[in-house]
Protein backbone atom coordinates (compact mmCIF):
# COMPACT_ATOMS: atom_id res chain seq x y z
CA UNK A 1 99.46 94.82 89.16
CA UNK A 2 99.26 94.23 85.45
CA UNK A 3 96.32 95.26 83.26
CA UNK A 4 95.78 93.83 79.77
CA UNK A 5 94.59 96.32 77.17
CA UNK A 6 92.79 95.56 73.87
CA UNK A 7 95.02 95.69 70.82
CA UNK A 8 93.63 94.30 67.54
CA UNK A 9 96.55 95.48 65.40
CA UNK A 10 100.07 94.63 66.57
CA UNK A 11 101.82 96.85 64.01
CA UNK A 12 99.68 99.84 64.96
CA UNK A 13 100.66 99.35 68.59
CA UNK A 14 104.35 99.20 67.70
CA UNK A 15 104.07 102.46 65.76
CA UNK A 16 101.85 104.39 68.20
CA UNK A 17 101.57 102.57 71.53
CA UNK A 18 100.19 105.56 73.43
CA UNK A 19 97.06 105.44 71.27
CA UNK A 20 96.07 102.20 72.99
CA UNK A 21 96.31 103.48 76.55
CA UNK A 22 93.16 104.48 78.43
CA UNK A 23 92.54 108.18 78.98
CA UNK A 24 93.34 107.71 82.64
CA UNK A 25 94.94 104.95 84.63
CA UNK A 26 92.78 102.95 87.04
CA UNK A 27 93.69 101.43 90.39
CA UNK A 28 92.10 97.99 90.64
CA UNK A 29 92.36 98.07 94.42
CA UNK A 30 90.10 101.12 94.64
CA UNK A 31 88.58 102.93 91.62
CA UNK A 32 88.41 106.17 93.63
CA UNK A 33 92.21 106.41 93.57
CA UNK A 34 93.88 108.46 90.85
CA UNK A 35 97.11 106.81 89.69
CA UNK A 36 99.46 108.95 87.63
CA UNK A 37 101.34 107.86 84.52
CA UNK A 38 104.84 107.09 85.65
CA UNK A 39 107.36 105.52 83.24
CA UNK A 40 107.69 103.58 80.01
CA UNK A 41 110.06 100.78 79.17
CA UNK A 42 111.05 98.77 76.12
CA UNK A 43 111.15 95.05 75.66
CA UNK A 44 111.78 92.72 72.75
CA UNK A 45 109.15 90.77 70.86
CA UNK A 46 109.98 88.09 68.30
CA UNK A 47 107.10 88.45 65.85
CA UNK A 48 108.65 86.32 63.09
CA UNK A 49 110.34 83.81 65.47
CA UNK A 50 113.74 85.16 64.38
CA UNK A 51 114.16 88.92 64.68
CA UNK A 52 113.57 91.01 67.79
CA UNK A 53 111.25 94.03 67.55
CA UNK A 54 111.34 96.61 70.33
CA UNK A 55 107.96 97.57 71.74
CA UNK A 56 107.07 100.06 74.46
CA UNK A 57 104.97 99.39 77.54
CA UNK A 58 103.78 101.83 80.20
CA UNK A 59 103.44 102.07 83.96
CA UNK A 60 101.27 104.15 86.22
CA UNK A 61 101.72 104.53 89.96
CA UNK A 62 99.12 104.69 92.71
CA UNK A 63 100.49 106.83 95.55
CA UNK A 64 97.74 105.64 97.91
CA UNK A 65 98.42 101.93 97.43
CA UNK A 66 102.13 102.41 96.73
CA UNK A 67 101.68 100.07 93.79
CA UNK A 68 102.80 100.13 90.19
CA UNK A 69 100.22 99.44 87.49
CA UNK A 70 101.62 98.02 84.24
CA UNK A 71 99.65 98.18 81.00
CA UNK A 72 100.31 95.28 78.62
CA UNK A 73 98.80 94.87 75.13
CA UNK A 74 96.87 91.61 74.83
CA UNK A 75 99.45 89.97 72.54
CA UNK A 76 102.34 90.28 75.02
CA UNK A 77 103.17 87.70 77.70
CA UNK A 78 105.38 88.04 80.79
CA UNK A 79 108.90 86.69 80.37
CA UNK A 80 108.25 85.63 76.77
CA UNK A 81 109.64 87.11 73.55
CA UNK A 82 107.18 85.15 71.43
CA UNK A 83 103.74 86.78 71.04
CA UNK A 84 100.67 85.21 72.57
CA UNK A 85 99.51 83.78 69.22
CA UNK A 86 102.58 81.52 69.10
CA UNK A 87 101.86 80.06 72.53
CA UNK A 88 98.19 79.61 71.78
CA UNK A 89 99.04 77.93 68.47
CA UNK A 90 101.17 75.23 70.10
CA UNK A 91 98.53 74.61 72.79
CA UNK A 92 95.77 74.14 70.22
CA UNK A 93 98.00 71.88 68.13
CA UNK A 94 98.81 69.83 71.22
CA UNK A 95 95.10 69.41 72.00
CA UNK A 96 94.59 68.36 68.37
CA UNK A 97 97.18 65.60 68.74
CA UNK A 98 99.98 67.25 66.75
CA UNK A 99 103.40 66.22 68.05
CA UNK A 100 105.65 68.59 69.96
CA UNK A 101 108.40 68.03 67.42
CA UNK A 102 106.14 69.09 64.55
CA UNK A 103 104.86 72.18 66.38
CA UNK A 104 108.38 73.18 67.37
CA UNK A 105 109.70 72.74 63.83
CA UNK A 106 107.16 75.26 62.48
CA UNK A 107 108.55 78.04 64.65
CA UNK A 108 112.17 76.94 64.93
CA UNK A 109 112.19 76.11 68.64
CA UNK A 110 113.44 73.17 70.67
CA UNK A 111 110.54 70.75 71.41
CA UNK A 112 111.49 70.92 75.09
CA UNK A 113 110.79 74.66 75.09
CA UNK A 114 107.41 74.13 73.46
CA UNK A 115 106.64 71.39 76.00
CA UNK A 116 107.43 73.79 78.84
CA UNK A 117 105.10 76.43 77.38
CA UNK A 118 102.26 73.94 77.12
CA UNK A 119 102.71 72.61 80.65
CA UNK A 120 102.69 76.12 82.12
CA UNK A 121 99.59 77.15 80.18
CA UNK A 122 97.74 73.96 81.07
CA UNK A 123 98.56 74.34 84.76
CA UNK A 124 97.27 77.89 84.87
CA UNK A 125 94.16 77.05 82.85
CA UNK A 126 93.17 74.43 85.41
CA UNK A 127 93.48 77.02 88.17
CA UNK A 128 91.40 79.64 86.35
CA UNK A 129 88.69 77.71 84.52
CA UNK A 130 86.01 78.01 87.20
CA UNK A 131 86.55 81.75 87.58
CA UNK A 132 86.57 82.25 83.80
CA UNK A 133 83.34 80.33 83.26
CA UNK A 134 81.64 82.15 86.12
CA UNK A 135 82.68 85.54 84.68
CA UNK A 136 81.48 84.60 81.18
CA UNK A 137 78.14 83.34 82.48
CA UNK A 138 77.65 86.62 84.32
CA UNK A 139 77.81 88.34 80.92
CA UNK A 140 76.05 85.80 78.73
CA UNK A 141 73.71 83.84 80.96
CA UNK A 142 73.33 80.21 79.93
CA UNK A 143 74.98 79.17 76.68
CA UNK A 144 75.45 75.96 74.72
CA UNK A 145 79.09 74.91 74.55
CA UNK A 146 80.56 73.61 71.30
CA UNK A 147 82.09 70.57 73.09
CA UNK A 148 80.77 67.83 75.35
CA UNK A 149 81.04 68.11 79.12
CA UNK A 150 83.30 65.04 79.04
CA UNK A 151 86.08 66.99 77.34
CA UNK A 152 89.31 67.85 79.18
CA UNK A 153 89.08 70.98 81.31
CA UNK A 154 91.74 72.70 79.19
CA UNK A 155 89.59 72.15 76.09
CA UNK A 156 86.52 73.38 77.94
CA UNK A 157 88.25 76.60 78.90
CA UNK A 158 89.19 77.40 75.31
CA UNK A 159 85.67 76.41 74.22
CA UNK A 160 84.08 78.81 76.70
CA UNK A 161 86.42 81.59 75.60
CA UNK A 162 85.69 80.92 71.92
CA UNK A 163 81.97 80.86 72.62
CA UNK A 164 82.20 84.21 74.37
CA UNK A 165 84.50 85.64 71.67
CA UNK A 166 81.96 84.80 68.98
CA UNK A 167 79.15 86.23 71.10
CA UNK A 168 80.88 89.62 71.47
CA UNK A 169 82.37 89.65 67.96
CA UNK A 170 85.97 89.31 69.18
CA UNK A 171 87.68 88.71 65.85
CA UNK A 172 91.05 87.53 67.16
CA UNK A 173 90.15 83.88 67.73
CA UNK A 174 93.83 82.89 67.84
CA UNK A 175 94.21 85.15 70.87
CA UNK A 176 91.67 83.65 73.28
CA UNK A 177 94.15 83.72 76.15
CA UNK A 178 94.44 87.46 75.58
CA UNK A 179 90.65 87.65 75.79
CA UNK A 180 90.83 85.74 79.06
CA UNK A 181 93.28 88.28 80.45
CA UNK A 182 90.99 91.11 79.33
CA UNK A 183 88.08 89.42 81.11
CA UNK A 184 90.18 89.04 84.24
CA UNK A 185 90.63 92.82 84.52
CA UNK A 186 94.03 92.42 86.14
CA UNK A 187 93.15 89.48 88.38
CA UNK A 188 94.07 86.69 85.95
CA UNK A 189 97.00 85.78 83.78
CA UNK A 190 96.32 82.84 81.49
CA UNK A 191 99.83 81.86 80.75
CA UNK A 192 101.98 80.20 83.34
CA UNK A 193 102.08 82.00 86.66
CA UNK A 194 99.76 84.03 88.88
CA UNK A 195 99.88 87.78 88.48
CA UNK A 196 102.59 89.60 90.33
CA UNK A 197 105.49 87.28 89.45
CA UNK A 198 106.48 88.92 86.17
CA UNK A 199 109.49 91.20 86.29
CA UNK A 200 110.53 93.47 83.44
CA UNK A 201 113.89 94.80 82.32
CA UNK A 202 112.82 98.38 82.87
CA UNK A 203 114.24 101.20 80.77
CA UNK A 204 113.08 104.51 82.13
CA UNK A 205 111.23 106.64 79.63
CA UNK A 206 108.98 109.65 79.39
CA UNK A 207 105.55 109.25 80.92
CA UNK A 208 102.69 109.48 78.39
CA UNK A 209 100.59 112.59 78.37
């Protein structure tokens, strides 16, 4: 299972990633379990769309469930070297009518790659929207959305997330998909595939703590 953790400052995470981990790991299958910190691994992140920066992520292991628990900062996506903000940027631009070619040119990518990102995100958003809205309503109660009910479901999902972000003072409004993953508490992954399909190039490291 993969758990998204809050991370307002990317550079601070890169410098001191252990500071962003919870005091103890949690098993989402059963909170009474006591997973132990297990390993760390490094992966690349392309923050400037050109150069690769190595960042560290951490695993815990639940001996009862025989399951690994991976902790991912909210700006990191499975499989992807581009941070979440890049993916969210191209989705928003697509919904605003900006061409794929123009969006791709800004970040130096092939338009076909950007198109693939958008299709994956849209597909997953359609699967998750009802669960996301239900979870947000459980926190907020009724709320007035900033778009009409006739809008596309992908737009509605981002509108609900933005509405909730403003309500809780979540300042990273270009990281609403990260907020969605935080809301999901390990059950969701608003990118392109259900949880459980991401595989990492693991480099064994020293367990935190």
